[in-house]
Amino acid sequence: MTQHTALPSDLLPTTVREFLAAHVVRDAGTASSFLAEDAVIVDQDETFRGREETYAFLRDAGSEFEYTTEQTGAHRVDDAHWVVTVRLAGTFPGGVAELDYRFALRDALIAELVIANHPA
């Protein structure tokens, strides 16, 4: 059975916390430094693999829009898996989105990140 525990952001693993801080300010170089060499990012059913593709995704994702990001929740699934829910508000279609960032960690780096709509 999976145990979900609500967490304040300061109790997230440093890797997750610092990745999100860099990602929010669109610092792809710093954000990608928290990814494993063979990391996989899945966003809107698109998959990006390895250092070059994941860096390009982090650099370009949402760059055509202006938006704000607010963390609205976080929980630990197990020692290697964490979920952070964020609310985006901006100039993209629909104007508001709640997304889950599902992290899988390996050796203190992000091995996989799945970005998906937060269940209603």
N, C-alpha and C. Protein backbone atom coordinates (compact mmCIF):
# COMPACT_ATOMS: atom_id res chain seq x y z
N MET A 1 0.84 -1.19 0.00
CA MET A 1 0.00 0.00 0.00
C MET A 1 0.88 1.24 0.00
N THR A 2 0.52 2.21 -0.81
CA THR A 2 1.26 3.45 -0.90
C THR A 2 0.78 4.41 0.18
N GLN A 3 1.72 5.00 0.88
CA GLN A 3 1.41 5.96 1.93
C GLN A 3 1.65 7.36 1.38
N HIS A 4 0.62 8.17 1.33
CA HIS A 4 0.75 9.56 0.88
C HIS A 4 0.75 10.46 2.11
N THR A 5 1.77 11.26 2.23
CA THR A 5 1.89 12.17 3.36
C THR A 5 2.06 13.59 2.83
N ALA A 6 1.18 14.49 3.22
CA ALA A 6 1.28 15.88 2.79
C ALA A 6 2.53 16.49 3.42
N LEU A 7 3.27 17.23 2.63
CA LEU A 7 4.53 17.81 3.10
C LEU A 7 4.63 19.28 2.74
N PRO A 8 5.21 20.08 3.63
CA PRO A 8 5.59 21.43 3.22
C PRO A 8 6.80 21.32 2.29
N SER A 9 6.97 22.27 1.41
CA SER A 9 8.02 22.17 0.40
C SER A 9 9.42 22.05 1.01
N ASP A 10 9.63 22.61 2.21
CA ASP A 10 10.97 22.53 2.79
C ASP A 10 11.34 21.11 3.24
N LEU A 11 10.38 20.18 3.25
CA LEU A 11 10.67 18.79 3.60
C LEU A 11 10.83 17.90 2.38
N LEU A 12 10.72 18.48 1.19
CA LEU A 12 10.99 17.72 -0.03
C LEU A 12 12.49 17.47 -0.12
N PRO A 13 12.89 16.43 -0.84
CA PRO A 13 14.33 16.22 -1.05
C PRO A 13 14.95 17.46 -1.70
N THR A 14 16.17 17.77 -1.35
CA THR A 14 16.87 18.93 -1.88
C THR A 14 16.86 18.93 -3.40
N THR A 15 17.08 17.78 -4.00
CA THR A 15 17.10 17.67 -5.47
C THR A 15 15.79 18.16 -6.07
N VAL A 16 14.67 17.73 -5.52
CA VAL A 16 13.35 18.12 -6.03
C VAL A 16 13.12 19.61 -5.79
N ARG A 17 13.41 20.05 -4.60
CA ARG A 17 13.19 21.46 -4.23
C ARG A 17 14.01 22.40 -5.12
N GLU A 18 15.28 22.08 -5.31
CA GLU A 18 16.14 22.96 -6.09
C GLU A 18 15.84 22.86 -7.59
N PHE A 19 15.46 21.67 -8.06
CA PHE A 19 15.03 21.55 -9.46
C PHE A 19 13.84 22.45 -9.72
N LEU A 20 12.83 22.38 -8.85
CA LEU A 20 11.62 23.19 -9.04
C LEU A 20 11.93 24.68 -8.97
N ALA A 21 12.80 25.08 -8.06
CA ALA A 21 13.16 26.50 -7.95
C ALA A 21 13.78 26.98 -9.25
N ALA A 22 14.66 26.19 -9.84
CA ALA A 22 15.29 26.58 -11.10
C ALA A 22 14.29 26.53 -12.25
N HIS A 23 13.45 25.52 -12.26
CA HIS A 23 12.46 25.36 -13.34
C HIS A 23 11.47 26.52 -13.35
N VAL A 24 11.03 26.96 -12.18
CA VAL A 24 10.06 28.05 -12.07
C VAL A 24 10.61 29.35 -12.67
N VAL A 25 11.91 29.59 -12.49
CA VAL A 25 12.50 30.82 -13.04
C VAL A 25 13.09 30.58 -14.43
N ARG A 26 12.79 29.42 -14.99
CA ARG A 26 13.20 29.04 -16.35
C ARG A 26 14.72 29.02 -16.54
N ASP A 27 15.40 28.51 -15.53
CA ASP A 27 16.85 28.32 -15.59
C ASP A 27 17.11 26.85 -15.96
N ALA A 28 17.07 26.57 -17.27
CA ALA A 28 17.19 25.19 -17.75
C ALA A 28 18.54 24.57 -17.41
N GLY A 29 19.59 25.37 -17.42
CA GLY A 29 20.91 24.84 -17.10
C GLY A 29 20.99 24.30 -15.68
N THR A 30 20.51 25.09 -14.73
CA THR A 30 20.52 24.65 -13.34
C THR A 30 19.54 23.50 -13.13
N ALA A 31 18.32 23.62 -13.68
CA ALA A 31 17.32 22.55 -13.52
C ALA A 31 17.85 21.23 -14.07
N SER A 32 18.48 21.26 -15.23
CA SER A 32 18.95 20.01 -15.82
C SER A 32 20.12 19.41 -15.05
N SER A 33 20.81 20.20 -14.23
CA SER A 33 21.92 19.66 -13.43
C SER A 33 21.42 18.69 -12.36
N PHE A 34 20.12 18.68 -12.08
CA PHE A 34 19.55 17.76 -11.09
C PHE A 34 19.02 16.48 -11.73
N LEU A 35 19.21 16.35 -13.04
CA LEU A 35 18.74 15.16 -13.77
C LEU A 35 19.87 14.16 -13.96
N ALA A 36 19.52 12.88 -13.86
CA ALA A 36 20.48 11.82 -14.18
C ALA A 36 20.82 11.91 -15.66
N GLU A 37 21.97 11.40 -16.04
CA GLU A 37 22.42 11.43 -17.44
C GLU A 37 21.39 10.80 -18.38
N ASP A 38 20.72 9.75 -17.92
CA ASP A 38 19.74 9.03 -18.75
C ASP A 38 18.30 9.37 -18.34
N ALA A 39 18.10 10.54 -17.78
CA ALA A 39 16.77 10.95 -17.29
C ALA A 39 15.74 10.95 -18.41
N VAL A 40 14.49 10.73 -17.97
CA VAL A 40 13.33 10.76 -18.87
C VAL A 40 12.34 11.77 -18.31
N ILE A 41 11.84 12.65 -19.18
CA ILE A 41 10.76 13.56 -18.80
C ILE A 41 9.59 13.28 -19.72
N VAL A 42 8.42 13.10 -19.14
CA VAL A 42 7.20 12.90 -19.90
C VAL A 42 6.28 14.07 -19.58
N ASP A 43 5.83 14.77 -20.63
CA ASP A 43 4.93 15.91 -20.47
C ASP A 43 3.91 15.88 -21.60
N GLN A 44 2.63 15.89 -21.26
CA GLN A 44 1.56 15.89 -22.25
C GLN A 44 1.76 14.77 -23.26
N ASP A 45 2.09 13.59 -22.78
CA ASP A 45 2.28 12.40 -23.61
C ASP A 45 3.47 12.49 -24.58
N GLU A 46 4.34 13.47 -24.40
CA GLU A 46 5.59 13.53 -25.14
C GLU A 46 6.71 13.09 -24.21
N THR A 47 7.65 12.31 -24.74
CA THR A 47 8.74 11.80 -23.93
C THR A 47 10.06 12.36 -24.42
N PHE A 48 10.87 12.82 -23.47
CA PHE A 48 12.18 13.39 -23.75
C PHE A 48 13.20 12.55 -22.98
N ARG A 49 14.23 12.09 -23.67
CA ARG A 49 15.19 11.17 -23.06
C ARG A 49 16.61 11.72 -23.17
N GLY A 50 17.36 11.54 -22.10
CA GLY A 50 18.77 11.90 -22.12
C GLY A 50 19.02 13.38 -21.93
N ARG A 51 20.27 13.72 -21.77
CA ARG A 51 20.69 15.07 -21.41
C ARG A 51 20.25 16.12 -22.43
N GLU A 52 20.44 15.89 -23.73
CA GLU A 52 20.12 16.90 -24.73
C GLU A 52 18.62 17.15 -24.84
N GLU A 53 17.84 16.08 -24.94
CA GLU A 53 16.39 16.25 -25.10
C GLU A 53 15.74 16.86 -23.86
N THR A 54 16.16 16.41 -22.68
CA THR A 54 15.54 16.95 -21.46
C THR A 54 15.94 18.41 -21.26
N TYR A 55 17.18 18.77 -21.59
CA TYR A 55 17.60 20.17 -21.50
C TYR A 55 16.76 21.03 -22.45
N ALA A 56 16.60 20.58 -23.68
CA ALA A 56 15.81 21.33 -24.66
C ALA A 56 14.37 21.50 -24.18
N PHE A 57 13.80 20.45 -23.60
CA PHE A 57 12.45 20.56 -23.06
C PHE A 57 12.40 21.62 -21.96
N LEU A 58 13.33 21.54 -21.01
CA LEU A 58 13.32 22.50 -19.90
C LEU A 58 13.54 23.93 -20.39
N ARG A 59 14.33 24.09 -21.41
CA ARG A 59 14.60 25.42 -21.97
C ARG A 59 13.37 25.99 -22.69
N ASP A 60 12.66 25.13 -23.42
CA ASP A 60 11.62 25.61 -24.33
C ASP A 60 10.18 25.49 -23.81
N ALA A 61 9.93 24.62 -22.85
CA ALA A 61 8.56 24.35 -22.40
C ALA A 61 7.88 25.62 -21.89
N GLY A 62 6.77 25.96 -22.51
CA GLY A 62 5.98 27.10 -22.06
C GLY A 62 6.58 28.45 -22.37
N SER A 63 7.67 28.49 -23.15
CA SER A 63 8.36 29.77 -23.38
C SER A 63 7.51 30.76 -24.17
N GLU A 64 6.50 30.28 -24.86
CA GLU A 64 5.64 31.19 -25.63
C GLU A 64 4.56 31.84 -24.77
N PHE A 65 4.49 31.46 -23.50
CA PHE A 65 3.45 32.00 -22.61
C PHE A 65 4.06 32.72 -21.41
N GLU A 66 3.26 33.58 -20.82
CA GLU A 66 3.61 34.16 -19.53
C GLU A 66 2.72 33.48 -18.50
N TYR A 67 3.30 33.09 -17.38
CA TYR A 67 2.51 32.42 -16.35
C TYR A 67 3.22 32.47 -15.00
N THR A 68 2.43 32.27 -13.98
CA THR A 68 2.96 32.16 -12.63
C THR A 68 2.79 30.72 -12.17
N THR A 69 3.62 30.32 -11.23
CA THR A 69 3.60 28.96 -10.71
C THR A 69 3.48 29.02 -9.19
N GLU A 70 2.55 28.24 -8.66
CA GLU A 70 2.38 28.17 -7.21
C GLU A 70 2.29 26.70 -6.79
N GLN A 71 3.14 26.31 -5.86
CA GLN A 71 3.06 24.94 -5.34
C GLN A 71 1.85 24.85 -4.42
N THR A 72 0.96 23.90 -4.69
CA THR A 72 -0.25 23.76 -3.88
C THR A 72 -0.28 22.48 -3.06
N GLY A 73 0.67 21.60 -3.28
CA GLY A 73 0.70 20.36 -2.51
C GLY A 73 1.96 19.57 -2.81
N ALA A 74 2.27 18.64 -1.93
CA ALA A 74 3.40 17.75 -2.11
C ALA A 74 3.23 16.55 -1.22
N HIS A 75 3.65 15.39 -1.72
CA HIS A 75 3.65 14.22 -0.85
C HIS A 75 4.72 13.22 -1.27
N ARG A 76 5.11 12.44 -0.30
CA ARG A 76 6.08 11.38 -0.48
C ARG A 76 5.31 10.10 -0.77
N VAL A 77 5.66 9.42 -1.85
CA VAL A 77 5.07 8.12 -2.16
C VAL A 77 5.89 7.04 -1.46
N ASP A 78 7.19 7.09 -1.65
CA ASP A 78 8.15 6.23 -0.95
C ASP A 78 9.50 6.93 -1.01
N ASP A 79 10.56 6.26 -0.61
CA ASP A 79 11.87 6.93 -0.54
C ASP A 79 12.34 7.49 -1.87
N ALA A 80 11.91 6.92 -2.98
CA ALA A 80 12.40 7.34 -4.29
C ALA A 80 11.37 8.11 -5.11
N HIS A 81 10.14 8.20 -4.64
CA HIS A 81 9.06 8.80 -5.44
C HIS A 81 8.34 9.90 -4.65
N TRP A 82 8.22 11.05 -5.32
CA TRP A 82 7.62 12.24 -4.71
C TRP A 82 6.71 12.89 -5.73
N VAL A 83 5.63 13.50 -5.26
CA VAL A 83 4.71 14.20 -6.14
C VAL A 83 4.53 15.62 -5.63
N VAL A 84 4.69 16.58 -6.53
CA VAL A 84 4.49 17.98 -6.19
C VAL A 84 3.40 18.51 -7.12
N THR A 85 2.36 19.09 -6.54
CA THR A 85 1.27 19.66 -7.32
C THR A 85 1.49 21.16 -7.43
N VAL A 86 1.40 21.66 -8.67
CA VAL A 86 1.58 23.09 -8.91
C VAL A 86 0.37 23.62 -9.68
N ARG A 87 0.09 24.88 -9.44
CA ARG A 87 -0.99 25.58 -10.14
C ARG A 87 -0.34 26.64 -11.01
N LEU A 88 -0.61 26.54 -12.32
CA LEU A 88 -0.11 27.52 -13.27
C LEU A 88 -1.26 28.44 -13.65
N ALA A 89 -1.01 29.72 -13.73
CA ALA A 89 -2.00 30.69 -14.19
C ALA A 89 -1.30 31.62 -15.17
N GLY A 90 -1.88 31.76 -16.38
CA GLY A 90 -1.20 32.60 -17.35
C GLY A 90 -1.92 32.73 -18.67
N THR A 91 -1.14 33.02 -19.69
CA THR A 91 -1.67 33.35 -21.01
C THR A 91 -1.83 32.14 -21.92
N PHE A 92 -1.68 30.95 -21.42
CA PHE A 92 -1.86 29.73 -22.22
C PHE A 92 -3.35 29.40 -22.34
N PRO A 93 -3.73 28.57 -23.32
CA PRO A 93 -5.15 28.21 -23.48
C PRO A 93 -5.73 27.65 -22.17
N GLY A 94 -6.87 28.16 -21.77
CA GLY A 94 -7.50 27.74 -20.52
C GLY A 94 -7.12 28.62 -19.34
N GLY A 95 -5.92 29.21 -19.37
CA GLY A 95 -5.51 30.18 -18.38
C GLY A 95 -5.08 29.65 -17.03
N VAL A 96 -5.57 28.46 -16.64
CA VAL A 96 -5.21 27.87 -15.34
C VAL A 96 -5.05 26.36 -15.52
N ALA A 97 -4.03 25.82 -14.89
CA ALA A 97 -3.83 24.37 -14.92
C ALA A 97 -3.26 23.92 -13.59
N GLU A 98 -3.72 22.77 -13.12
CA GLU A 98 -3.12 22.13 -11.95
C GLU A 98 -2.43 20.88 -12.44
N LEU A 99 -1.13 20.82 -12.16
CA LEU A 99 -0.31 19.72 -12.66
C LEU A 99 0.39 19.01 -11.52
N ASP A 100 0.55 17.70 -11.68
CA ASP A 100 1.37 16.92 -10.76
C ASP A 100 2.73 16.69 -11.42
N TYR A 101 3.78 17.00 -10.69
CA TYR A 101 5.13 16.68 -11.11
C TYR A 101 5.51 15.43 -10.31
N ARG A 102 5.59 14.31 -10.98
CA ARG A 102 5.88 13.02 -10.33
C ARG A 102 7.35 12.68 -10.54
N PHE A 103 8.10 12.73 -9.46
CA PHE A 103 9.54 12.53 -9.50
C PHE A 103 9.91 11.12 -9.09
N ALA A 104 10.84 10.52 -9.83
CA ALA A 104 11.49 9.27 -9.42
C ALA A 104 12.97 9.59 -9.28
N LEU A 105 13.50 9.38 -8.09
CA LEU A 105 14.89 9.71 -7.80
C LEU A 105 15.76 8.46 -7.82
N ARG A 106 17.01 8.65 -8.23
CA ARG A 106 18.01 7.59 -8.18
C ARG A 106 19.34 8.25 -7.89
N ASP A 107 20.00 7.78 -6.85
CA ASP A 107 21.31 8.33 -6.47
C ASP A 107 21.27 9.85 -6.34
N ALA A 108 20.25 10.37 -5.68
CA ALA A 108 20.07 11.80 -5.40
C ALA A 108 19.89 12.65 -6.65
N LEU A 109 19.56 12.02 -7.78
CA LEU A 109 19.25 12.74 -9.00
C LEU A 109 17.87 12.34 -9.50
N ILE A 110 17.29 13.14 -10.35
CA ILE A 110 15.98 12.84 -10.91
C ILE A 110 16.18 11.91 -12.11
N ALA A 111 15.67 10.69 -11.98
CA ALA A 111 15.76 9.70 -13.05
C ALA A 111 14.58 9.83 -14.00
N GLU A 112 13.42 10.20 -13.44
CA GLU A 112 12.23 10.35 -14.27
C GLU A 112 11.34 11.44 -13.67
N LEU A 113 10.74 12.21 -14.57
CA LEU A 113 9.77 13.22 -14.18
C LEU A 113 8.60 13.10 -15.12
N VAL A 114 7.42 12.86 -14.57
CA VAL A 114 6.19 12.80 -15.35
C VAL A 114 5.34 13.99 -14.92
N ILE A 115 4.98 14.82 -15.89
CA ILE A 115 4.14 15.99 -15.63
C ILE A 115 2.78 15.68 -16.21
N ALA A 116 1.76 15.67 -15.34
CA ALA A 116 0.42 15.28 -15.77
C ALA A 116 -0.62 16.14 -15.08
N ASN A 117 -1.81 16.20 -15.66
CA ASN A 117 -2.91 16.92 -15.02
C ASN A 117 -3.17 16.33 -13.65
N HIS A 118 -3.41 17.20 -12.69
CA HIS A 118 -3.77 16.78 -11.34
C HIS A 118 -5.20 16.26 -11.38
N PRO A 119 -5.45 15.08 -10.81
CA PRO A 119 -6.82 14.57 -10.82
C PRO A 119 -7.78 15.49 -10.07
N ALA A 120 -8.93 15.67 -10.63
CA ALA A 120 -9.94 16.56 -10.02
C ALA A 120 -10.50 15.99 -8.75
